Amino acid sequence: MTDTGQIVKMLRKSKGWTIAELAFRSGLSPNTISNVERGSNCTILVFDSLVEAMGYELEILKKDEYEEESKDEWA
């Protein structure tokens, strides 16, 4: 199973964004984002803020959608 930090990092990099850019767009601190990407636990509210800032919805966690997104992003 992929953890939330890996998902956030993959989505952020697919946008070509730095942690600073995601921090600006999400209203969260760069330190918080860095911690999430390194595997620290985060609340659903933090995760939702990150995902929405990148233009996605929490449904990205659905297995089929995530696998399809991953294939598209890394193809």
PDB file of N, CA and C in Angstrom:
ATOM      1  N   MET A   1       0.851  -1.190   0.000  1.00  0.00           N
ATOM      2  CA  MET A   1       0.000   0.000   0.000  1.00  0.00           C
ATOM      3  C   MET A   1       0.892   1.248   0.000  1.00  0.00           C
ATOM      4  N   THR A   2       0.511   2.206  -0.787  1.00  0.00           N
ATOM      5  CA  THR A   2       1.240   3.460  -0.875  1.00  0.00           C
ATOM      6  C   THR A   2       0.790   4.386   0.233  1.00  0.00           C
ATOM      7  N   ASP A   3       1.740   5.020   0.903  1.00  0.00           N
ATOM      8  CA  ASP A   3       1.341   5.927   1.978  1.00  0.00           C
ATOM      9  C   ASP A   3       1.054   7.328   1.432  1.00  0.00           C
ATOM     10  N   THR A   4       0.423   8.121   2.259  1.00  0.00           N
ATOM     11  CA  THR A   4      -0.015   9.449   1.828  1.00  0.00           C
ATOM     12  C   THR A   4       1.161  10.332   1.421  1.00  0.00           C
ATOM     13  N   GLY A   5       2.288  10.187   2.097  1.00  0.00           N
ATOM     14  CA  GLY A   5       3.458  10.992   1.756  1.00  0.00           C
ATOM     15  C   GLY A   5       3.947  10.728   0.343  1.00  0.00           C
ATOM     16  N   GLN A   6       3.958   9.461  -0.048  1.00  0.00           N
ATOM     17  CA  GLN A   6       4.375   9.112  -1.408  1.00  0.00           C
ATOM     18  C   GLN A   6       3.396   9.675  -2.433  1.00  0.00           C
ATOM     19  N   ILE A   7       2.105   9.627  -2.107  1.00  0.00           N
ATOM     20  CA  ILE A   7       1.094  10.165  -3.010  1.00  0.00           C
ATOM     21  C   ILE A   7       1.288  11.671  -3.177  1.00  0.00           C
ATOM     22  N   VAL A   8       1.454  12.370  -2.060  1.00  0.00           N
ATOM     23  CA  VAL A   8       1.641  13.827  -2.119  1.00  0.00           C
ATOM     24  C   VAL A   8       2.876  14.167  -2.950  1.00  0.00           C
ATOM     25  N   LYS A   9       3.962  13.486  -2.700  1.00  0.00           N
ATOM     26  CA  LYS A   9       5.200  13.772  -3.420  1.00  0.00           C
ATOM     27  C   LYS A   9       5.053  13.491  -4.917  1.00  0.00           C
ATOM     28  N   MET A  10       4.442  12.372  -5.263  1.00  0.00           N
ATOM     29  CA  MET A  10       4.243  12.019  -6.667  1.00  0.00           C
ATOM     30  C   MET A  10       3.378  13.058  -7.376  1.00  0.00           C
ATOM     31  N   LEU A  11       2.278  13.454  -6.741  1.00  0.00           N
ATOM     32  CA  LEU A  11       1.388  14.442  -7.344  1.00  0.00           C
ATOM     33  C   LEU A  11       2.077  15.801  -7.477  1.00  0.00           C
ATOM     34  N   ARG A  12       2.816  16.198  -6.434  1.00  0.00           N
ATOM     35  CA  ARG A  12       3.525  17.490  -6.464  1.00  0.00           C
ATOM     36  C   ARG A  12       4.550  17.500  -7.591  1.00  0.00           C
ATOM     37  N   LYS A  13       5.330  16.448  -7.700  1.00  0.00           N
ATOM     38  CA  LYS A  13       6.364  16.394  -8.728  1.00  0.00           C
ATOM     39  C   LYS A  13       5.759  16.325 -10.124  1.00  0.00           C
ATOM     40  N   SER A  14       4.602  15.671 -10.239  1.00  0.00           N
ATOM     41  CA  SER A  14       3.958  15.602 -11.556  1.00  0.00           C
ATOM     42  C   SER A  14       3.507  16.988 -12.022  1.00  0.00           C
ATOM     43  N   LYS A  15       3.276  17.894 -11.077  1.00  0.00           N
ATOM     44  CA  LYS A  15       2.925  19.277 -11.404  1.00  0.00           C
ATOM     45  C   LYS A  15       4.169  20.129 -11.680  1.00  0.00           C
ATOM     46  N   GLY A  16       5.337  19.592 -11.326  1.00  0.00           N
ATOM     47  CA  GLY A  16       6.563  20.357 -11.482  1.00  0.00           C
ATOM     48  C   GLY A  16       6.747  21.399 -10.392  1.00  0.00           C
ATOM     49  N   TRP A  17       6.072  21.187  -9.261  1.00  0.00           N
ATOM     50  CA  TRP A  17       6.096  22.156  -8.163  1.00  0.00           C
ATOM     51  C   TRP A  17       7.155  21.802  -7.132  1.00  0.00           C
ATOM     52  N   THR A  18       7.717  22.832  -6.533  1.00  0.00           N
ATOM     53  CA  THR A  18       8.576  22.661  -5.370  1.00  0.00           C
ATOM     54  C   THR A  18       7.691  22.564  -4.125  1.00  0.00           C
ATOM     55  N   ILE A  19       8.303  22.189  -3.033  1.00  0.00           N
ATOM     56  CA  ILE A  19       7.582  22.189  -1.755  1.00  0.00           C
ATOM     57  C   ILE A  19       7.111  23.601  -1.435  1.00  0.00           C
ATOM     58  N   ALA A  20       7.937  24.595  -1.739  1.00  0.00           N
ATOM     59  CA  ALA A  20       7.556  25.993  -1.470  1.00  0.00           C
ATOM     60  C   ALA A  20       6.311  26.394  -2.263  1.00  0.00           C
ATOM     61  N   GLU A  21       6.228  25.956  -3.512  1.00  0.00           N
ATOM     62  CA  GLU A  21       5.061  26.273  -4.338  1.00  0.00           C
ATOM     63  C   GLU A  21       3.803  25.631  -3.759  1.00  0.00           C
ATOM     64  N   LEU A  22       3.904  24.370  -3.368  1.00  0.00           N
ATOM     65  CA  LEU A  22       2.749  23.687  -2.773  1.00  0.00           C
ATOM     66  C   LEU A  22       2.369  24.335  -1.451  1.00  0.00           C
ATOM     67  N   ALA A  23       3.353  24.757  -0.690  1.00  0.00           N
ATOM     68  CA  ALA A  23       3.075  25.435   0.581  1.00  0.00           C
ATOM     69  C   ALA A  23       2.289  26.721   0.331  1.00  0.00           C
ATOM     70  N   PHE A  24       2.721  27.496  -0.639  1.00  0.00           N
ATOM     71  CA  PHE A  24       2.032  28.736  -0.969  1.00  0.00           C
ATOM     72  C   PHE A  24       0.588  28.470  -1.385  1.00  0.00           C
ATOM     73  N   ARG A  25       0.399  27.494  -2.250  1.00  0.00           N
ATOM     74  CA  ARG A  25      -0.927  27.206  -2.789  1.00  0.00           C
ATOM     75  C   ARG A  25      -1.861  26.553  -1.771  1.00  0.00           C
ATOM     76  N   SER A  26      -1.298  25.814  -0.822  1.00  0.00           N
ATOM     77  CA  SER A  26      -2.134  25.096   0.154  1.00  0.00           C
ATOM     78  C   SER A  26      -2.329  25.868   1.452  1.00  0.00           C
ATOM     79  N   GLY A  27      -1.476  26.857   1.694  1.00  0.00           N
ATOM     80  CA  GLY A  27      -1.555  27.588   2.949  1.00  0.00           C
ATOM     81  C   GLY A  27      -0.899  26.858   4.115  1.00  0.00           C
ATOM     82  N   LEU A  28      -0.174  25.796   3.814  1.00  0.00           N
ATOM     83  CA  LEU A  28       0.540  25.038   4.844  1.00  0.00           C
ATOM     84  C   LEU A  28       2.016  25.395   4.802  1.00  0.00           C
ATOM     85  N   SER A  29       2.722  25.109   5.870  1.00  0.00           N
ATOM     86  CA  SER A  29       4.146  25.445   5.903  1.00  0.00           C
ATOM     87  C   SER A  29       4.956  24.424   5.103  1.00  0.00           C
ATOM     88  N   PRO A  30       6.083  24.874   4.544  1.00  0.00           N
ATOM     89  CA  PRO A  30       6.965  23.935   3.844  1.00  0.00           C
ATOM     90  C   PRO A  30       7.415  22.786   4.758  1.00  0.00           C
ATOM     91  N   ASN A  31       7.614  23.092   6.027  1.00  0.00           N
ATOM     92  CA  ASN A  31       8.025  22.062   6.972  1.00  0.00           C
ATOM     93  C   ASN A  31       6.954  20.984   7.110  1.00  0.00           C
ATOM     94  N   THR A  32       5.690  21.392   7.166  1.00  0.00           N
ATOM     95  CA  THR A  32       4.599  20.426   7.267  1.00  0.00           C
ATOM     96  C   THR A  32       4.579  19.519   6.042  1.00  0.00           C
ATOM     97  N   ILE A  33       4.720  20.111   4.865  1.00  0.00           N
ATOM     98  CA  ILE A  33       4.695  19.323   3.632  1.00  0.00           C
ATOM     99  C   ILE A  33       5.879  18.370   3.577  1.00  0.00           C
ATOM    100  N   SER A  34       7.041  18.852   3.939  1.00  0.00           N
ATOM    101  CA  SER A  34       8.227  18.003   3.973  1.00  0.00           C
ATOM    102  C   SER A  34       8.026  16.822   4.920  1.00  0.00           C
ATOM    103  N   ASN A  35       7.474  17.084   6.083  1.00  0.00           N
ATOM    104  CA  ASN A  35       7.223  16.010   7.049  1.00  0.00           C
ATOM    105  C   ASN A  35       6.239  14.985   6.499  1.00  0.00           C
ATOM    106  N   VAL A  36       5.181  15.455   5.851  1.00  0.00           N
ATOM    107  CA  VAL A  36       4.194  14.544   5.260  1.00  0.00           C
ATOM    108  C   VAL A  36       4.870  13.677   4.201  1.00  0.00           C
ATOM    109  N   GLU A  37       5.639  14.288   3.326  1.00  0.00           N
ATOM    110  CA  GLU A  37       6.305  13.539   2.256  1.00  0.00           C
ATOM    111  C   GLU A  37       7.305  12.524   2.791  1.00  0.00           C
ATOM    112  N   ARG A  38       7.873  12.793   3.947  1.00  0.00           N
ATOM    113  CA  ARG A  38       8.819  11.853   4.556  1.00  0.00           C
ATOM    114  C   ARG A  38       8.128  10.761   5.350  1.00  0.00           C
ATOM    115  N   GLY A  39       6.793  10.810   5.418  1.00  0.00           N
ATOM    116  CA  GLY A  39       6.070   9.723   6.050  1.00  0.00           C
ATOM    117  C   GLY A  39       5.470  10.024   7.397  1.00  0.00           C
ATOM    118  N   SER A  40       5.595  11.261   7.873  1.00  0.00           N
ATOM    119  CA  SER A  40       4.944  11.602   9.139  1.00  0.00           C
ATOM    120  C   SER A  40       3.432  11.515   8.972  1.00  0.00           C
ATOM    121  N   ASN A  41       2.776  11.140  10.021  1.00  0.00           N
ATOM    122  CA  ASN A  41       1.313  11.092   9.982  1.00  0.00           C
ATOM    123  C   ASN A  41       0.764  12.492   9.773  1.00  0.00           C
ATOM    124  N   CYS A  42      -0.324  12.564   9.025  1.00  0.00           N
ATOM    125  CA  CYS A  42      -0.994  13.854   8.851  1.00  0.00           C
ATOM    126  C   CYS A  42      -2.493  13.629   8.978  1.00  0.00           C
ATOM    127  N   THR A  43      -3.168  14.679   9.343  1.00  0.00           N
ATOM    128  CA  THR A  43      -4.617  14.584   9.470  1.00  0.00           C
ATOM    129  C   THR A  43      -5.246  14.569   8.082  1.00  0.00           C
ATOM    130  N   ILE A  44      -6.485  14.131   8.026  1.00  0.00           N
ATOM    131  CA  ILE A  44      -7.210  14.138   6.762  1.00  0.00           C
ATOM    132  C   ILE A  44      -7.381  15.568   6.251  1.00  0.00           C
ATOM    133  N   LEU A  45      -7.475  16.536   7.155  1.00  0.00           N
ATOM    134  CA  LEU A  45      -7.610  17.936   6.745  1.00  0.00           C
ATOM    135  C   LEU A  45      -6.348  18.439   6.054  1.00  0.00           C
ATOM    136  N   VAL A  46      -5.194  18.071   6.585  1.00  0.00           N
ATOM    137  CA  VAL A  46      -3.925  18.458   5.960  1.00  0.00           C
ATOM    138  C   VAL A  46      -3.810  17.798   4.594  1.00  0.00           C
ATOM    139  N   PHE A  47      -4.083  16.499   4.543  1.00  0.00           N
ATOM    140  CA  PHE A  47      -3.994  15.783   3.276  1.00  0.00           C
ATOM    141  C   PHE A  47      -4.961  16.372   2.254  1.00  0.00           C
ATOM    142  N   ASP A  48      -6.166  16.660   2.683  1.00  0.00           N
ATOM    143  CA  ASP A  48      -7.166  17.251   1.793  1.00  0.00           C
ATOM    144  C   ASP A  48      -6.693  18.611   1.267  1.00  0.00           C
ATOM    145  N   SER A  49      -6.101  19.426   2.130  1.00  0.00           N
ATOM    146  CA  SER A  49      -5.584  20.735   1.700  1.00  0.00           C
ATOM    147  C   SER A  49      -4.506  20.582   0.626  1.00  0.00           C
ATOM    148  N   LEU A  50      -3.631  19.614   0.813  1.00  0.00           N
ATOM    149  CA  LEU A  50      -2.560  19.383  -0.148  1.00  0.00           C
ATOM    150  C   LEU A  50      -3.102  18.899  -1.483  1.00  0.00           C
ATOM    151  N   VAL A  51      -3.985  17.925  -1.419  1.00  0.00           N
ATOM    152  CA  VAL A  51      -4.540  17.342  -2.636  1.00  0.00           C
ATOM    153  C   VAL A  51      -5.368  18.377  -3.403  1.00  0.00           C
ATOM    154  N   GLU A  52      -6.203  19.124  -2.695  1.00  0.00           N
ATOM    155  CA  GLU A  52      -7.026  20.139  -3.352  1.00  0.00           C
ATOM    156  C   GLU A  52      -6.180  21.253  -3.952  1.00  0.00           C
ATOM    157  N   ALA A  53      -5.106  21.638  -3.278  1.00  0.00           N
ATOM    158  CA  ALA A  53      -4.228  22.686  -3.809  1.00  0.00           C
ATOM    159  C   ALA A  53      -3.633  22.273  -5.155  1.00  0.00           C
ATOM    160  N   MET A  54      -3.502  20.959  -5.355  1.00  0.00           N
ATOM    161  CA  MET A  54      -2.953  20.455  -6.615  1.00  0.00           C
ATOM    162  C   MET A  54      -4.039  20.154  -7.646  1.00  0.00           C
ATOM    163  N   GLY A  55      -5.286  20.438  -7.281  1.00  0.00           N
ATOM    164  CA  GLY A  55      -6.376  20.265  -8.229  1.00  0.00           C
ATOM    165  C   GLY A  55      -6.992  18.885  -8.249  1.00  0.00           C
ATOM    166  N   TYR A  56      -6.730  18.099  -7.232  1.00  0.00           N
ATOM    167  CA  TYR A  56      -7.298  16.755  -7.129  1.00  0.00           C
ATOM    168  C   TYR A  56      -8.314  16.726  -5.997  1.00  0.00           C
ATOM    169  N   GLU A  57      -8.986  15.589  -5.866  1.00  0.00           N
ATOM    170  CA  GLU A  57      -9.910  15.367  -4.759  1.00  0.00           C
ATOM    171  C   GLU A  57      -9.471  14.118  -4.019  1.00  0.00           C
ATOM    172  N   LEU A  58      -9.999  13.911  -2.833  1.00  0.00           N
ATOM    173  CA  LEU A  58      -9.592  12.761  -2.026  1.00  0.00           C
ATOM    174  C   LEU A  58      -9.861  11.426  -2.711  1.00  0.00           C
ATOM    175  N   GLU A  59     -10.685  11.407  -3.727  1.00  0.00           N
ATOM    176  CA  GLU A  59     -10.956  10.170  -4.442  1.00  0.00           C
ATOM    177  C   GLU A  59      -9.700   9.612  -5.110  1.00  0.00           C
ATOM    178  N   ILE A  60      -8.636  10.427  -5.170  1.00  0.00           N
ATOM    179  CA  ILE A  60      -7.372   9.960  -5.733  1.00  0.00           C
ATOM    180  C   ILE A  60      -6.881   8.723  -4.975  1.00  0.00           C
ATOM    181  N   LEU A  61      -7.364   8.556  -3.746  1.00  0.00           N
ATOM    182  CA  LEU A  61      -6.938   7.414  -2.943  1.00  0.00           C
ATOM    183  C   LEU A  61      -7.604   6.112  -3.360  1.00  0.00           C
ATOM    184  N   LYS A  62      -8.657   6.196  -4.153  1.00  0.00           N
ATOM    185  CA  LYS A  62      -9.273   4.960  -4.624  1.00  0.00           C
ATOM    186  C   LYS A  62      -8.254   4.205  -5.449  1.00  0.00           C
ATOM    187  N   LYS A  63      -8.128   2.940  -5.181  1.00  0.00           N
ATOM    188  CA  LYS A  63      -7.062   2.141  -5.779  1.00  0.00           C
ATOM    189  C   LYS A  63      -7.027   2.249  -7.301  1.00  0.00           C
ATOM    190  N   ASP A  64      -8.126   2.034  -7.968  1.00  0.00           N
ATOM    191  CA  ASP A  64      -8.129   2.041  -9.432  1.00  0.00           C
ATOM    192  C   ASP A  64      -7.720   3.393  -9.980  1.00  0.00           C
ATOM    193  N   GLU A  65      -8.235   4.459  -9.402  1.00  0.00           N
ATOM    194  CA  GLU A  65      -7.897   5.791  -9.882  1.00  0.00           C
ATOM    195  C   GLU A  65      -6.433   6.109  -9.627  1.00  0.00           C
ATOM    196  N   TYR A  66      -5.932   5.740  -8.441  1.00  0.00           N
ATOM    197  CA  TYR A  66      -4.536   6.024  -8.119  1.00  0.00           C
ATOM    198  C   TYR A  66      -3.612   5.269  -9.061  1.00  0.00           C
ATOM    199  N   GLU A  67      -3.907   3.983  -9.305  1.00  0.00           N
ATOM    200  CA  GLU A  67      -3.059   3.203 -10.191  1.00  0.00           C
ATOM    201  C   GLU A  67      -3.076   3.779 -11.596  1.00  0.00           C
ATOM    202  N   GLU A  68      -4.229   4.193 -12.065  1.00  0.00           N
ATOM    203  CA  GLU A  68      -4.328   4.780 -13.397  1.00  0.00           C
ATOM    204  C   GLU A  68      -3.571   6.110 -13.456  1.00  0.00           C
ATOM    205  N   GLU A  69      -3.726   6.937 -12.420  1.00  0.00           N
ATOM    206  CA  GLU A  69      -3.017   8.217 -12.345  1.00  0.00           C
ATOM    207  C   GLU A  69      -1.513   7.983 -12.342  1.00  0.00           C
ATOM    208  N   SER A  70      -1.061   6.988 -11.578  1.00  0.00           N
ATOM    209  CA  SER A  70       0.361   6.690 -11.499  1.00  0.00           C
ATOM    210  C   SER A  70       0.895   6.270 -12.856  1.00  0.00           C
ATOM    211  N   LYS A  71       0.152   5.437 -13.553  1.00  0.00           N
ATOM    212  CA  LYS A  71       0.590   5.000 -14.881  1.00  0.00           C
ATOM    213  C   LYS A  71       0.699   6.187 -15.823  1.00  0.00           C
ATOM    214  N   ASP A  72      -0.291   7.066 -15.794  1.00  0.00           N
ATOM    215  CA  ASP A  72      -0.285   8.230 -16.669  1.00  0.00           C
ATOM    216  C   ASP A  72       0.867   9.169 -16.336  1.00  0.00           C
ATOM    217  N   GLU A  73       1.109   9.391 -15.046  1.00  0.00           N
ATOM    218  CA  GLU A  73       2.121  10.360 -14.623  1.00  0.00           C
ATOM    219  C   GLU A  73       3.532   9.876 -14.911  1.00  0.00           C
ATOM    220  N   TRP A  74       3.768   8.586 -14.835  1.00  0.00           N
ATOM    221  CA  TRP A  74       5.130   8.067 -14.941  1.00  0.00           C
ATOM    222  C   TRP A  74       5.369   7.360 -16.268  1.00  0.00           C
ATOM    223  N   ALA A  75       4.422   7.423 -17.169  1.00  0.00           N
ATOM    224  CA  ALA A  75       4.584   6.746 -18.480  1.00  0.00           C
ATOM    225  C   ALA A  75       5.549   7.506 -19.359  1.00  0.00           C
TER     226      ALA A  75
END
